[in-house]
Amino acid sequence: MGPGLTATAEVHVVIDPALSEGHSVSLLSVTGGPSILAITPRRANELGFSAAERVDPVRLTGAIADAGITLNDADHLFYLTVAEHAALRDEPVFAGARQLTMADEPLFAQFTADAPGDDLDEAFVELDHWLVFGTFVDGRLVSAASMYPWDNSTLADLGVITLPDYRGLGLGRATVRAISAHAISLGYEPQYRCRLDNAPSVALAASAGFTLFGDWHVIVGGD
């Protein structure tokens, strides 16, 4: 059986010509809901699927394999509820958290030098992203989060890193809450993604008020 699929659940096919090539095939398994295959018209032709079709998981798995398509390992997708939006609007920003700019480059450079390499690769937190926030302790940047608009949408994809010696103190949560509140004020919807096996990141998402929406697979080679 293919990733994120069960033997009994049909997959809803959505053909979207606006999808980028990097997202030309993706599978979303909504928590407590349907599985949705989003594909470009070209990929639909390759797979032999039509719009609004409901595909048996066995047929889908075979069609993907026959087309030579491989999907990446899944990410969890988390979003904020309407109640959390309201809570963030009323919540004061943590005293040590603020927006970062390019003027913070020396502090950010020291932060990335101190952060584990695996965290830098997975979280993809960059100072030149669309929106960046950091949390400081005694003048030292110890947690940082950045966002960028997702595939030309109003979803703001979020990455966050907290230095190992400062974890478990609520600083990652403070950073995520601060950047999310600011993104919402600009009309964007925060999107928190992490690998299924990244237990600390899953826990951080929950502590920061995010709710699991579903699991998402995208074609290998996508951006």
N, C-alpha and C. Protein backbone atom coordinates (compact mmCIF):
# COMPACT_ATOMS: atom_id res chain seq x y z
N MET A 1 0.85 -1.20 0.00
CA MET A 1 0.00 0.00 0.00
C MET A 1 0.88 1.24 0.00
N GLY A 2 0.44 2.26 -0.66
CA GLY A 2 1.22 3.48 -0.78
C GLY A 2 1.27 4.28 0.50
N PRO A 3 2.08 5.32 0.54
CA PRO A 3 2.25 6.12 1.74
C PRO A 3 0.97 6.82 2.15
N GLY A 4 0.64 6.76 3.44
CA GLY A 4 -0.50 7.47 3.95
C GLY A 4 -1.85 6.90 3.54
N LEU A 5 -1.88 5.69 2.93
CA LEU A 5 -3.11 5.12 2.42
C LEU A 5 -3.53 3.90 3.21
N THR A 6 -4.84 3.67 3.25
CA THR A 6 -5.37 2.43 3.81
C THR A 6 -6.06 1.66 2.69
N ALA A 7 -6.32 0.41 2.94
CA ALA A 7 -6.88 -0.44 1.89
C ALA A 7 -8.32 -0.07 1.55
N THR A 8 -9.02 0.63 2.44
CA THR A 8 -10.44 0.88 2.25
C THR A 8 -10.77 2.31 1.84
N ALA A 9 -9.87 3.25 2.05
CA ALA A 9 -10.18 4.66 1.80
C ALA A 9 -9.87 5.04 0.36
N GLU A 10 -10.88 5.50 -0.37
CA GLU A 10 -10.65 6.00 -1.72
C GLU A 10 -9.94 7.34 -1.66
N VAL A 11 -9.19 7.63 -2.69
CA VAL A 11 -8.43 8.87 -2.76
C VAL A 11 -9.13 9.82 -3.74
N HIS A 12 -9.39 11.06 -3.29
CA HIS A 12 -10.04 12.06 -4.13
C HIS A 12 -8.98 12.72 -5.03
N VAL A 13 -9.23 12.80 -6.31
CA VAL A 13 -8.29 13.38 -7.26
C VAL A 13 -8.68 14.83 -7.55
N VAL A 14 -7.70 15.72 -7.38
CA VAL A 14 -7.87 17.13 -7.72
C VAL A 14 -6.81 17.50 -8.75
N ILE A 15 -7.24 18.01 -9.91
CA ILE A 15 -6.31 18.45 -10.95
C ILE A 15 -6.24 19.96 -10.90
N ASP A 16 -5.03 20.45 -10.67
CA ASP A 16 -4.84 21.89 -10.45
C ASP A 16 -3.72 22.41 -11.35
N PRO A 17 -4.06 23.14 -12.42
CA PRO A 17 -3.02 23.65 -13.32
C PRO A 17 -2.12 24.71 -12.68
N ALA A 18 -2.52 25.23 -11.50
CA ALA A 18 -1.72 26.26 -10.84
C ALA A 18 -0.59 25.67 -10.00
N LEU A 19 -0.57 24.35 -9.84
CA LEU A 19 0.49 23.73 -9.05
C LEU A 19 1.85 23.93 -9.73
N SER A 20 2.86 24.18 -8.90
CA SER A 20 4.21 24.29 -9.44
C SER A 20 4.75 22.91 -9.80
N GLU A 21 5.80 22.89 -10.60
CA GLU A 21 6.39 21.60 -10.99
C GLU A 21 6.91 20.85 -9.77
N GLY A 22 7.40 21.61 -8.78
CA GLY A 22 7.91 20.97 -7.57
C GLY A 22 6.84 20.30 -6.73
N HIS A 23 5.58 20.70 -6.96
CA HIS A 23 4.45 20.10 -6.24
C HIS A 23 3.47 19.46 -7.23
N SER A 24 3.99 18.92 -8.33
CA SER A 24 3.12 18.40 -9.39
C SER A 24 2.36 17.15 -8.98
N VAL A 25 2.85 16.45 -7.95
CA VAL A 25 2.13 15.31 -7.38
C VAL A 25 2.27 15.39 -5.88
N SER A 26 1.14 15.45 -5.17
CA SER A 26 1.20 15.40 -3.72
C SER A 26 -0.02 14.67 -3.19
N LEU A 27 0.16 14.06 -2.04
CA LEU A 27 -0.90 13.29 -1.41
C LEU A 27 -1.08 13.79 0.01
N LEU A 28 -2.29 14.25 0.30
CA LEU A 28 -2.63 14.75 1.63
C LEU A 28 -3.64 13.82 2.27
N SER A 29 -3.29 13.28 3.45
CA SER A 29 -4.20 12.44 4.22
C SER A 29 -4.68 13.27 5.40
N VAL A 30 -5.90 13.78 5.32
CA VAL A 30 -6.44 14.66 6.34
C VAL A 30 -6.81 13.85 7.58
N THR A 31 -6.43 14.34 8.74
CA THR A 31 -6.74 13.66 9.99
C THR A 31 -8.25 13.56 10.16
N GLY A 32 -8.75 12.33 10.24
CA GLY A 32 -10.17 12.12 10.39
C GLY A 32 -10.97 12.44 9.15
N GLY A 33 -10.31 12.60 8.00
CA GLY A 33 -10.99 12.98 6.77
C GLY A 33 -10.46 12.20 5.58
N PRO A 34 -10.64 12.75 4.39
CA PRO A 34 -10.27 12.03 3.17
C PRO A 34 -8.78 12.11 2.86
N SER A 35 -8.36 11.29 1.90
CA SER A 35 -7.05 11.42 1.29
C SER A 35 -7.24 12.11 -0.06
N ILE A 36 -6.40 13.09 -0.36
CA ILE A 36 -6.56 13.91 -1.55
C ILE A 36 -5.27 13.88 -2.37
N LEU A 37 -5.37 13.49 -3.62
CA LEU A 37 -4.24 13.52 -4.53
C LEU A 37 -4.36 14.79 -5.38
N ALA A 38 -3.41 15.70 -5.25
CA ALA A 38 -3.38 16.93 -6.04
C ALA A 38 -2.30 16.79 -7.11
N ILE A 39 -2.69 16.98 -8.37
CA ILE A 39 -1.77 16.77 -9.49
C ILE A 39 -1.98 17.83 -10.56
N THR A 40 -0.94 18.04 -11.35
CA THR A 40 -1.05 18.94 -12.50
C THR A 40 -1.73 18.18 -13.65
N PRO A 41 -2.24 18.91 -14.65
CA PRO A 41 -2.82 18.21 -15.81
C PRO A 41 -1.84 17.25 -16.49
N ARG A 42 -0.57 17.61 -16.55
CA ARG A 42 0.41 16.71 -17.18
C ARG A 42 0.53 15.41 -16.40
N ARG A 43 0.59 15.53 -15.07
CA ARG A 43 0.70 14.34 -14.25
C ARG A 43 -0.58 13.51 -14.30
N ALA A 44 -1.72 14.17 -14.41
CA ALA A 44 -2.99 13.46 -14.52
C ALA A 44 -3.00 12.59 -15.77
N ASN A 45 -2.47 13.14 -16.86
CA ASN A 45 -2.38 12.38 -18.10
C ASN A 45 -1.45 11.19 -17.95
N GLU A 46 -0.30 11.39 -17.26
CA GLU A 46 0.64 10.30 -17.04
C GLU A 46 0.02 9.18 -16.21
N LEU A 47 -0.74 9.57 -15.20
CA LEU A 47 -1.32 8.60 -14.27
C LEU A 47 -2.64 8.02 -14.76
N GLY A 48 -3.27 8.67 -15.72
CA GLY A 48 -4.54 8.19 -16.23
C GLY A 48 -5.72 8.53 -15.35
N PHE A 49 -5.64 9.65 -14.62
CA PHE A 49 -6.71 10.06 -13.71
C PHE A 49 -7.44 11.28 -14.26
N SER A 50 -8.71 11.41 -13.88
CA SER A 50 -9.50 12.57 -14.28
C SER A 50 -9.94 13.35 -13.05
N ALA A 51 -10.34 14.59 -13.27
CA ALA A 51 -10.74 15.46 -12.17
C ALA A 51 -11.94 14.89 -11.43
N ALA A 52 -11.92 15.02 -10.10
CA ALA A 52 -13.00 14.58 -9.21
C ALA A 52 -13.15 13.06 -9.15
N GLU A 53 -12.23 12.35 -9.79
CA GLU A 53 -12.28 10.89 -9.72
C GLU A 53 -11.92 10.41 -8.32
N ARG A 54 -12.48 9.29 -7.92
CA ARG A 54 -12.10 8.65 -6.66
C ARG A 54 -11.37 7.36 -7.00
N VAL A 55 -10.13 7.27 -6.53
CA VAL A 55 -9.24 6.21 -6.96
C VAL A 55 -9.01 5.22 -5.83
N ASP A 56 -9.09 3.96 -6.18
CA ASP A 56 -8.76 2.91 -5.22
C ASP A 56 -7.27 3.00 -4.86
N PRO A 57 -6.92 2.87 -3.58
CA PRO A 57 -5.51 3.00 -3.18
C PRO A 57 -4.57 2.04 -3.89
N VAL A 58 -5.04 0.83 -4.17
CA VAL A 58 -4.19 -0.14 -4.86
C VAL A 58 -3.90 0.34 -6.27
N ARG A 59 -4.93 0.85 -6.95
CA ARG A 59 -4.72 1.38 -8.30
C ARG A 59 -3.80 2.58 -8.28
N LEU A 60 -3.96 3.46 -7.28
CA LEU A 60 -3.11 4.64 -7.17
C LEU A 60 -1.65 4.26 -6.98
N THR A 61 -1.41 3.32 -6.08
CA THR A 61 -0.04 2.88 -5.81
C THR A 61 0.60 2.33 -7.08
N GLY A 62 -0.16 1.53 -7.82
CA GLY A 62 0.37 0.96 -9.05
C GLY A 62 0.63 2.01 -10.11
N ALA A 63 -0.29 2.98 -10.24
CA ALA A 63 -0.14 4.02 -11.26
C ALA A 63 1.08 4.89 -10.96
N ILE A 64 1.30 5.22 -9.69
CA ILE A 64 2.47 6.02 -9.31
C ILE A 64 3.76 5.27 -9.63
N ALA A 65 3.79 3.97 -9.30
CA ALA A 65 4.98 3.16 -9.58
C ALA A 65 5.22 3.04 -11.08
N ASP A 66 4.16 2.80 -11.85
CA ASP A 66 4.30 2.63 -13.30
C ASP A 66 4.79 3.90 -13.97
N ALA A 67 4.43 5.06 -13.39
CA ALA A 67 4.87 6.35 -13.96
C ALA A 67 6.27 6.73 -13.52
N GLY A 68 6.88 5.91 -12.67
CA GLY A 68 8.23 6.21 -12.19
C GLY A 68 8.28 7.35 -11.20
N ILE A 69 7.17 7.59 -10.52
CA ILE A 69 7.08 8.69 -9.55
C ILE A 69 7.35 8.16 -8.15
N THR A 70 8.17 8.86 -7.40
CA THR A 70 8.43 8.53 -6.01
C THR A 70 8.03 9.69 -5.13
N LEU A 71 7.36 9.40 -4.02
CA LEU A 71 6.97 10.44 -3.09
C LEU A 71 7.92 10.47 -1.91
N ASN A 72 8.20 11.67 -1.43
CA ASN A 72 9.04 11.83 -0.24
C ASN A 72 8.36 11.24 0.99
N ASP A 73 9.16 11.02 2.03
CA ASP A 73 8.58 10.65 3.32
C ASP A 73 7.64 11.76 3.77
N ALA A 74 6.63 11.39 4.54
CA ALA A 74 5.57 12.33 4.89
C ALA A 74 6.03 13.39 5.88
N ASP A 75 5.39 14.55 5.78
CA ASP A 75 5.45 15.59 6.80
C ASP A 75 4.10 15.67 7.50
N HIS A 76 4.12 15.94 8.82
CA HIS A 76 2.91 16.39 9.48
C HIS A 76 2.65 17.84 9.07
N LEU A 77 1.38 18.20 8.91
CA LEU A 77 0.97 19.58 8.67
C LEU A 77 0.12 20.04 9.85
N PHE A 78 0.51 21.15 10.47
CA PHE A 78 -0.22 21.71 11.60
C PHE A 78 -0.68 23.12 11.26
N TYR A 79 -1.88 23.48 11.78
CA TYR A 79 -2.39 24.84 11.62
C TYR A 79 -3.01 25.30 12.94
N LEU A 80 -3.25 26.59 13.04
CA LEU A 80 -3.87 27.18 14.22
C LEU A 80 -5.39 27.23 14.04
N THR A 81 -6.11 26.91 15.10
CA THR A 81 -7.56 27.00 15.06
C THR A 81 -7.99 28.47 15.14
N VAL A 82 -9.27 28.72 14.90
CA VAL A 82 -9.82 30.07 15.03
C VAL A 82 -9.64 30.57 16.46
N ALA A 83 -9.82 29.69 17.43
CA ALA A 83 -9.65 30.08 18.84
C ALA A 83 -8.21 30.48 19.13
N GLU A 84 -7.24 29.79 18.54
CA GLU A 84 -5.84 30.15 18.74
C GLU A 84 -5.50 31.46 18.06
N HIS A 85 -6.11 31.73 16.93
CA HIS A 85 -5.93 33.05 16.29
C HIS A 85 -6.34 34.16 17.26
N ALA A 86 -7.49 33.98 17.87
CA ALA A 86 -7.98 34.99 18.80
C ALA A 86 -7.07 35.11 20.01
N ALA A 87 -6.58 33.98 20.51
CA ALA A 87 -5.69 34.01 21.67
C ALA A 87 -4.39 34.75 21.34
N LEU A 88 -3.86 34.53 20.14
CA LEU A 88 -2.62 35.20 19.75
C LEU A 88 -2.81 36.70 19.62
N ARG A 89 -3.96 37.11 19.14
CA ARG A 89 -4.21 38.55 18.99
C ARG A 89 -4.20 39.26 20.35
N ASP A 90 -4.63 38.55 21.39
CA ASP A 90 -4.73 39.15 22.72
C ASP A 90 -3.50 38.90 23.60
N GLU A 91 -2.58 38.08 23.11
CA GLU A 91 -1.44 37.64 23.93
C GLU A 91 -0.24 38.58 23.76
N PRO A 92 0.31 39.08 24.85
CA PRO A 92 1.51 39.92 24.71
C PRO A 92 2.70 39.09 24.22
N VAL A 93 3.55 39.69 23.43
CA VAL A 93 4.74 39.00 22.93
C VAL A 93 5.71 38.77 24.09
N PHE A 94 6.29 37.61 24.13
CA PHE A 94 7.28 37.26 25.16
C PHE A 94 8.38 38.33 25.19
N ALA A 95 8.80 38.71 26.39
CA ALA A 95 9.71 39.85 26.56
C ALA A 95 11.02 39.69 25.80
N GLY A 96 11.50 38.47 25.66
CA GLY A 96 12.78 38.26 24.99
C GLY A 96 12.68 38.02 23.50
N ALA A 97 11.47 38.06 22.93
CA ALA A 97 11.28 37.77 21.51
C ALA A 97 11.05 39.04 20.71
N ARG A 98 11.62 39.08 19.52
CA ARG A 98 11.40 40.22 18.63
C ARG A 98 11.68 39.82 17.19
N GLN A 99 11.25 40.69 16.28
CA GLN A 99 11.53 40.47 14.87
C GLN A 99 13.01 40.72 14.59
N LEU A 100 13.60 39.90 13.73
CA LEU A 100 14.99 40.05 13.33
C LEU A 100 15.08 40.69 11.94
N THR A 101 16.14 41.43 11.72
CA THR A 101 16.42 42.04 10.41
C THR A 101 17.86 41.70 10.03
N MET A 102 18.27 42.18 8.86
CA MET A 102 19.64 41.93 8.42
C MET A 102 20.66 42.60 9.33
N ALA A 103 20.23 43.59 10.13
CA ALA A 103 21.14 44.21 11.09
C ALA A 103 21.54 43.22 12.19
N ASP A 104 20.79 42.13 12.32
CA ASP A 104 21.10 41.11 13.32
C ASP A 104 22.01 40.00 12.77
N GLU A 105 22.61 40.24 11.61
CA GLU A 105 23.40 39.20 10.97
C GLU A 105 24.51 38.64 11.86
N PRO A 106 25.28 39.45 12.60
CA PRO A 106 26.32 38.86 13.46
C PRO A 106 25.74 37.92 14.53
N LEU A 107 24.63 38.32 15.13
CA LEU A 107 23.99 37.47 16.14
C LEU A 107 23.45 36.19 15.51
N PHE A 108 22.88 36.33 14.31
CA PHE A 108 22.34 35.15 13.65
C PHE A 108 23.45 34.21 13.19
N ALA A 109 24.55 34.77 12.75
CA ALA A 109 25.70 33.94 12.33
C ALA A 109 26.23 33.13 13.51
N GLN A 110 26.30 33.73 14.69
CA GLN A 110 26.74 32.99 15.87
C GLN A 110 25.72 31.92 16.24
N PHE A 111 24.45 32.24 16.09
CA PHE A 111 23.38 31.28 16.37
C PHE A 111 23.51 30.05 15.47
N THR A 112 23.69 30.25 14.17
CA THR A 112 23.79 29.11 13.26
C THR A 112 25.08 28.32 13.49
N ALA A 113 26.13 29.01 13.94
CA ALA A 113 27.37 28.29 14.26
C ALA A 113 27.18 27.38 15.47
N ASP A 114 26.30 27.78 16.39
CA ASP A 114 26.07 27.00 17.61
C ASP A 114 25.00 25.92 17.43
N ALA A 115 24.18 26.04 16.39
CA ALA A 115 23.07 25.11 16.20
C ALA A 115 23.54 23.82 15.54
N PRO A 116 22.93 22.67 15.89
CA PRO A 116 23.29 21.40 15.24
C PRO A 116 23.01 21.45 13.75
N GLY A 117 23.91 20.85 12.98
CA GLY A 117 23.77 20.87 11.53
C GLY A 117 22.49 20.23 11.04
N ASP A 118 22.06 19.14 11.68
CA ASP A 118 20.82 18.48 11.27
C ASP A 118 19.62 19.40 11.46
N ASP A 119 19.62 20.19 12.53
CA ASP A 119 18.53 21.13 12.76
C ASP A 119 18.49 22.20 11.67
N LEU A 120 19.67 22.70 11.29
CA LEU A 120 19.73 23.71 10.24
C LEU A 120 19.20 23.19 8.92
N ASP A 121 19.52 21.93 8.60
CA ASP A 121 19.07 21.33 7.35
C ASP A 121 17.56 21.11 7.34
N GLU A 122 17.03 20.60 8.44
CA GLU A 122 15.61 20.23 8.46
C GLU A 122 14.70 21.44 8.65
N ALA A 123 15.08 22.36 9.55
CA ALA A 123 14.18 23.47 9.88
C ALA A 123 14.20 24.56 8.82
N PHE A 124 15.32 24.75 8.13
CA PHE A 124 15.45 25.76 7.08
C PHE A 124 15.06 27.14 7.60
N VAL A 125 15.80 27.59 8.60
CA VAL A 125 15.60 28.92 9.18
C VAL A 125 16.70 29.83 8.62
N GLU A 126 16.29 30.89 7.92
CA GLU A 126 17.25 31.78 7.27
C GLU A 126 16.92 33.24 7.60
N LEU A 127 17.96 34.06 7.77
CA LEU A 127 17.75 35.46 8.12
C LEU A 127 17.14 36.27 6.97
N ASP A 128 17.33 35.83 5.73
CA ASP A 128 16.80 36.58 4.59
C ASP A 128 15.41 36.10 4.16
N HIS A 129 14.77 35.29 4.98
CA HIS A 129 13.40 34.88 4.66
C HIS A 129 12.42 36.05 4.84
N TRP A 130 11.21 35.83 4.40
CA TRP A 130 10.17 36.88 4.41
C TRP A 130 9.93 37.45 5.81
N LEU A 131 9.91 36.59 6.83
CA LEU A 131 9.67 37.04 8.19
C LEU A 131 10.53 36.20 9.13
N VAL A 132 11.24 36.86 10.05
CA VAL A 132 12.16 36.16 10.96
C VAL A 132 11.98 36.74 12.37
N PHE A 133 11.89 35.85 13.35
CA PHE A 133 11.81 36.26 14.75
C PHE A 133 12.85 35.48 15.54
N GLY A 134 13.29 36.07 16.64
CA GLY A 134 14.23 35.40 17.53
C GLY A 134 13.91 35.67 18.98
N THR A 135 14.37 34.78 19.83
CA THR A 135 14.23 34.96 21.28
C THR A 135 15.62 34.99 21.89
N PHE A 136 15.83 35.94 22.79
CA PHE A 136 17.15 36.20 23.36
C PHE A 136 17.15 35.89 24.86
N VAL A 137 18.29 35.41 25.32
CA VAL A 137 18.56 35.24 26.75
C VAL A 137 19.91 35.90 27.04
N ASP A 138 19.90 36.89 27.89
CA ASP A 138 21.14 37.62 28.24
C ASP A 138 21.88 38.11 27.00
N GLY A 139 21.11 38.61 26.04
CA GLY A 139 21.69 39.17 24.83
C GLY A 139 22.09 38.17 23.78
N ARG A 140 21.91 36.89 24.06
CA ARG A 140 22.29 35.84 23.11
C ARG A 140 21.05 35.32 22.39
N LEU A 141 21.12 35.21 21.07
CA LEU A 141 20.03 34.62 20.29
C LEU A 141 20.04 33.11 20.51
N VAL A 142 18.96 32.58 21.11
CA VAL A 142 18.94 31.15 21.48
C VAL A 142 17.84 30.39 20.77
N SER A 143 16.90 31.09 20.16
CA SER A 143 15.84 30.44 19.40
C SER A 143 15.47 31.34 18.24
N ALA A 144 15.28 30.77 17.07
CA ALA A 144 14.95 31.56 15.88
C ALA A 144 13.95 30.81 15.03
N ALA A 145 13.05 31.57 14.42
CA ALA A 145 12.06 31.01 13.50
C ALA A 145 11.96 31.92 12.28
N SER A 146 11.74 31.32 11.13
CA SER A 146 11.54 32.12 9.92
C SER A 146 10.38 31.54 9.13
N MET A 147 9.81 32.40 8.29
CA MET A 147 8.67 32.04 7.45
C MET A 147 8.89 32.55 6.03
N TYR A 148 8.26 31.88 5.09
CA TYR A 148 8.18 32.39 3.72
C TYR A 148 6.83 31.97 3.14
N PRO A 149 6.25 32.78 2.27
CA PRO A 149 4.96 32.42 1.67
C PRO A 149 5.09 31.12 0.88
N TRP A 150 4.13 30.24 1.10
CA TRP A 150 4.18 28.88 0.56
C TRP A 150 3.59 28.86 -0.85
N ASP A 151 4.45 28.62 -1.84
CA ASP A 151 3.99 28.41 -3.21
C ASP A 151 3.07 29.53 -3.69
N ASN A 152 3.47 30.78 -3.40
CA ASN A 152 2.73 31.98 -3.83
C ASN A 152 1.33 32.08 -3.23
N SER A 153 1.16 31.50 -2.04
CA SER A 153 -0.13 31.56 -1.36
C SER A 153 -0.01 32.45 -0.13
N THR A 154 -1.08 32.51 0.67
CA THR A 154 -1.03 33.23 1.94
C THR A 154 -0.73 32.29 3.10
N LEU A 155 -0.31 31.07 2.80
CA LEU A 155 0.23 30.20 3.84
C LEU A 155 1.67 30.62 4.12
N ALA A 156 2.02 30.77 5.38
CA ALA A 156 3.38 31.15 5.77
C ALA A 156 4.06 29.93 6.39
N ASP A 157 4.93 29.30 5.62
CA ASP A 157 5.59 28.07 6.06
C ASP A 157 6.64 28.41 7.11
N LEU A 158 6.64 27.66 8.19
CA LEU A 158 7.40 28.00 9.39
C LEU A 158 8.49 26.98 9.68
N GLY A 159 9.67 27.46 10.03
CA GLY A 159 10.73 26.62 10.57
C GLY A 159 11.25 27.24 11.85
N VAL A 160 11.68 26.42 12.78
CA VAL A 160 12.15 26.94 14.08
C VAL A 160 13.29 26.08 14.60
N ILE A 161 14.26 26.73 15.22
CA ILE A 161 15.39 26.06 15.86
C ILE A 161 15.61 26.70 17.22
N THR A 162 15.82 25.87 18.23
CA THR A 162 16.24 26.34 19.54
C THR A 162 17.55 25.63 19.90
N LEU A 163 18.52 26.38 20.38
CA LEU A 163 19.81 25.77 20.73
C LEU A 163 19.61 24.71 21.81
N PRO A 164 20.35 23.60 21.72
CA PRO A 164 20.13 22.47 22.64
C PRO A 164 20.14 22.84 24.12
N ASP A 165 21.03 23.72 24.55
CA ASP A 165 21.12 24.05 25.97
C ASP A 165 19.94 24.87 26.47
N TYR A 166 19.10 25.35 25.56
CA TYR A 166 17.98 26.21 25.95
C TYR A 166 16.63 25.57 25.66
N ARG A 167 16.62 24.28 25.37
CA ARG A 167 15.36 23.58 25.12
C ARG A 167 14.67 23.21 26.44
N GLY A 168 13.37 23.04 26.36
CA GLY A 168 12.60 22.68 27.54
C GLY A 168 12.26 23.86 28.43
N LEU A 169 12.55 25.08 27.98
CA LEU A 169 12.30 26.29 28.78
C LEU A 169 11.16 27.13 28.23
N GLY A 170 10.51 26.65 27.18
CA GLY A 170 9.41 27.39 26.58
C GLY A 170 9.84 28.47 25.60
N LEU A 171 11.14 28.51 25.26
CA LEU A 171 11.64 29.57 24.38
C LEU A 171 11.27 29.32 22.92
N GLY A 172 11.29 28.07 22.50
CA GLY A 172 10.84 27.74 21.15
C GLY A 172 9.37 28.08 20.98
N ARG A 173 8.57 27.74 21.99
CA ARG A 173 7.15 28.08 21.96
C ARG A 173 6.96 29.59 21.84
N ALA A 174 7.71 30.35 22.63
CA ALA A 174 7.59 31.81 22.60
C ALA A 174 7.93 32.35 21.21
N THR A 175 8.96 31.80 20.59
CA THR A 175 9.37 32.26 19.26
C THR A 175 8.30 31.96 18.23
N VAL A 176 7.77 30.74 18.27
CA VAL A 176 6.74 30.33 17.31
C VAL A 176 5.47 31.16 17.49
N ARG A 177 5.08 31.41 18.73
CA ARG A 177 3.88 32.22 18.99
C ARG A 177 4.06 33.65 18.49
N ALA A 178 5.25 34.20 18.72
CA ALA A 178 5.50 35.59 18.32
C ALA A 178 5.48 35.75 16.81
N ILE A 179 6.16 34.87 16.09
CA ILE A 179 6.20 35.00 14.63
C ILE A 179 4.83 34.70 14.03
N SER A 180 4.11 33.76 14.64
CA SER A 180 2.78 33.41 14.12
C SER A 180 1.81 34.58 14.29
N ALA A 181 1.86 35.23 15.45
CA ALA A 181 0.99 36.37 15.69
C ALA A 181 1.25 37.48 14.67
N HIS A 182 2.52 37.72 14.37
CA HIS A 182 2.86 38.78 13.42
C HIS A 182 2.40 38.41 12.00
N ALA A 183 2.59 37.14 11.62
CA ALA A 183 2.15 36.70 10.29
C ALA A 183 0.64 36.85 10.14
N ILE A 184 -0.10 36.49 11.19
CA ILE A 184 -1.56 36.62 11.15
C ILE A 184 -1.96 38.08 10.99
N SER A 185 -1.24 38.98 11.67
CA SER A 185 -1.56 40.41 11.57
C SER A 185 -1.34 40.94 10.16
N LEU A 186 -0.50 40.23 9.38
CA LEU A 186 -0.23 40.63 7.99
C LEU A 186 -1.15 39.92 7.00
N GLY A 187 -2.06 39.10 7.51
CA GLY A 187 -3.01 38.41 6.64
C GLY A 187 -2.58 37.04 6.18
N TYR A 188 -1.59 36.44 6.85
CA TYR A 188 -1.09 35.13 6.47
C TYR A 188 -1.49 34.07 7.50
N GLU A 189 -1.53 32.83 7.03
CA GLU A 189 -1.88 31.69 7.88
C GLU A 189 -0.62 30.87 8.16
N PRO A 190 -0.17 30.80 9.42
CA PRO A 190 1.03 30.02 9.73
C PRO A 190 0.83 28.54 9.42
N GLN A 191 1.85 27.95 8.83
CA GLN A 191 1.87 26.51 8.51
C GLN A 191 3.11 25.90 9.15
N TYR A 192 2.88 24.93 10.02
CA TYR A 192 3.99 24.26 10.74
C TYR A 192 4.11 22.86 10.15
N ARG A 193 5.29 22.56 9.62
CA ARG A 193 5.56 21.23 9.05
C ARG A 193 6.71 20.57 9.78
N CYS A 194 6.62 19.25 9.96
CA CYS A 194 7.77 18.51 10.46
C CYS A 194 7.62 17.03 10.10
N ARG A 195 8.72 16.33 10.14
CA ARG A 195 8.70 14.90 9.84
C ARG A 195 7.91 14.15 10.91
N LEU A 196 7.32 13.02 10.51
CA LEU A 196 6.51 12.25 11.43
C LEU A 196 7.32 11.73 12.62
N ASP A 197 8.60 11.46 12.40
CA ASP A 197 9.42 10.88 13.47
C ASP A 197 10.16 11.92 14.30
N ASN A 198 9.87 13.21 14.08
CA ASN A 198 10.54 14.28 14.83
C ASN A 198 9.70 14.61 16.06
N ALA A 199 9.83 13.77 17.08
CA ALA A 199 8.99 13.90 18.28
C ALA A 199 9.13 15.26 18.96
N PRO A 200 10.34 15.82 19.12
CA PRO A 200 10.44 17.15 19.75
C PRO A 200 9.70 18.24 18.98
N SER A 201 9.75 18.19 17.64
CA SER A 201 9.07 19.19 16.85
C SER A 201 7.55 19.02 16.92
N VAL A 202 7.09 17.77 16.95
CA VAL A 202 5.66 17.51 17.12
C VAL A 202 5.18 18.07 18.45
N ALA A 203 5.98 17.85 19.50
CA ALA A 203 5.61 18.36 20.82
C ALA A 203 5.59 19.89 20.84
N LEU A 204 6.55 20.51 20.15
CA LEU A 204 6.60 21.97 20.10
C LEU A 204 5.37 22.52 19.38
N ALA A 205 4.98 21.89 18.29
CA ALA A 205 3.79 22.34 17.56
C ALA A 205 2.57 22.35 18.49
N ALA A 206 2.41 21.28 19.26
CA ALA A 206 1.26 21.20 20.17
C ALA A 206 1.35 22.26 21.26
N SER A 207 2.54 22.44 21.83
CA SER A 207 2.69 23.41 22.92
C SER A 207 2.47 24.84 22.43
N ALA A 208 2.76 25.08 21.14
CA ALA A 208 2.58 26.42 20.56
C ALA A 208 1.15 26.66 20.09
N GLY A 209 0.27 25.68 20.29
CA GLY A 209 -1.14 25.87 19.98
C GLY A 209 -1.59 25.36 18.63
N PHE A 210 -0.72 24.64 17.91
CA PHE A 210 -1.08 24.13 16.59
C PHE A 210 -1.82 22.80 16.70
N THR A 211 -2.70 22.56 15.75
CA THR A 211 -3.47 21.32 15.68
C THR A 211 -3.09 20.56 14.42
N LEU A 212 -2.92 19.24 14.55
CA LEU A 212 -2.56 18.42 13.39
C LEU A 212 -3.70 18.40 12.38
N PHE A 213 -3.38 18.80 11.14
CA PHE A 213 -4.36 18.80 10.05
C PHE A 213 -4.29 17.52 9.23
N GLY A 214 -3.07 17.03 9.00
CA GLY A 214 -2.92 15.81 8.21
C GLY A 214 -1.47 15.53 7.90
N ASP A 215 -1.24 14.50 7.10
CA ASP A 215 0.09 14.09 6.67
C ASP A 215 0.20 14.29 5.17
N TRP A 216 1.34 14.81 4.74
CA TRP A 216 1.49 15.27 3.36
C TRP A 216 2.76 14.69 2.73
N HIS A 217 2.59 14.12 1.54
CA HIS A 217 3.70 13.58 0.76
C HIS A 217 3.77 14.36 -0.55
N VAL A 218 4.98 14.67 -0.99
CA VAL A 218 5.14 15.36 -2.27
C VAL A 218 6.17 14.60 -3.11
N ILE A 219 6.10 14.80 -4.40
CA ILE A 219 6.99 14.10 -5.33
C ILE A 219 8.45 14.37 -4.99
N VAL A 220 9.27 13.33 -5.05
CA VAL A 220 10.70 13.48 -4.84
C VAL A 220 11.27 14.41 -5.91
N GLY A 221 12.12 15.33 -5.48
CA GLY A 221 12.67 16.31 -6.39
C GLY A 221 11.93 17.63 -6.34
N GLY A 222 10.82 17.67 -5.57
CA GLY A 222 10.09 18.91 -5.40
C GLY A 222 10.86 19.86 -4.51
N ASP A 223 10.52 21.13 -4.61
CA ASP A 223 11.22 22.18 -3.84
C ASP A 223 10.77 22.13 -2.39
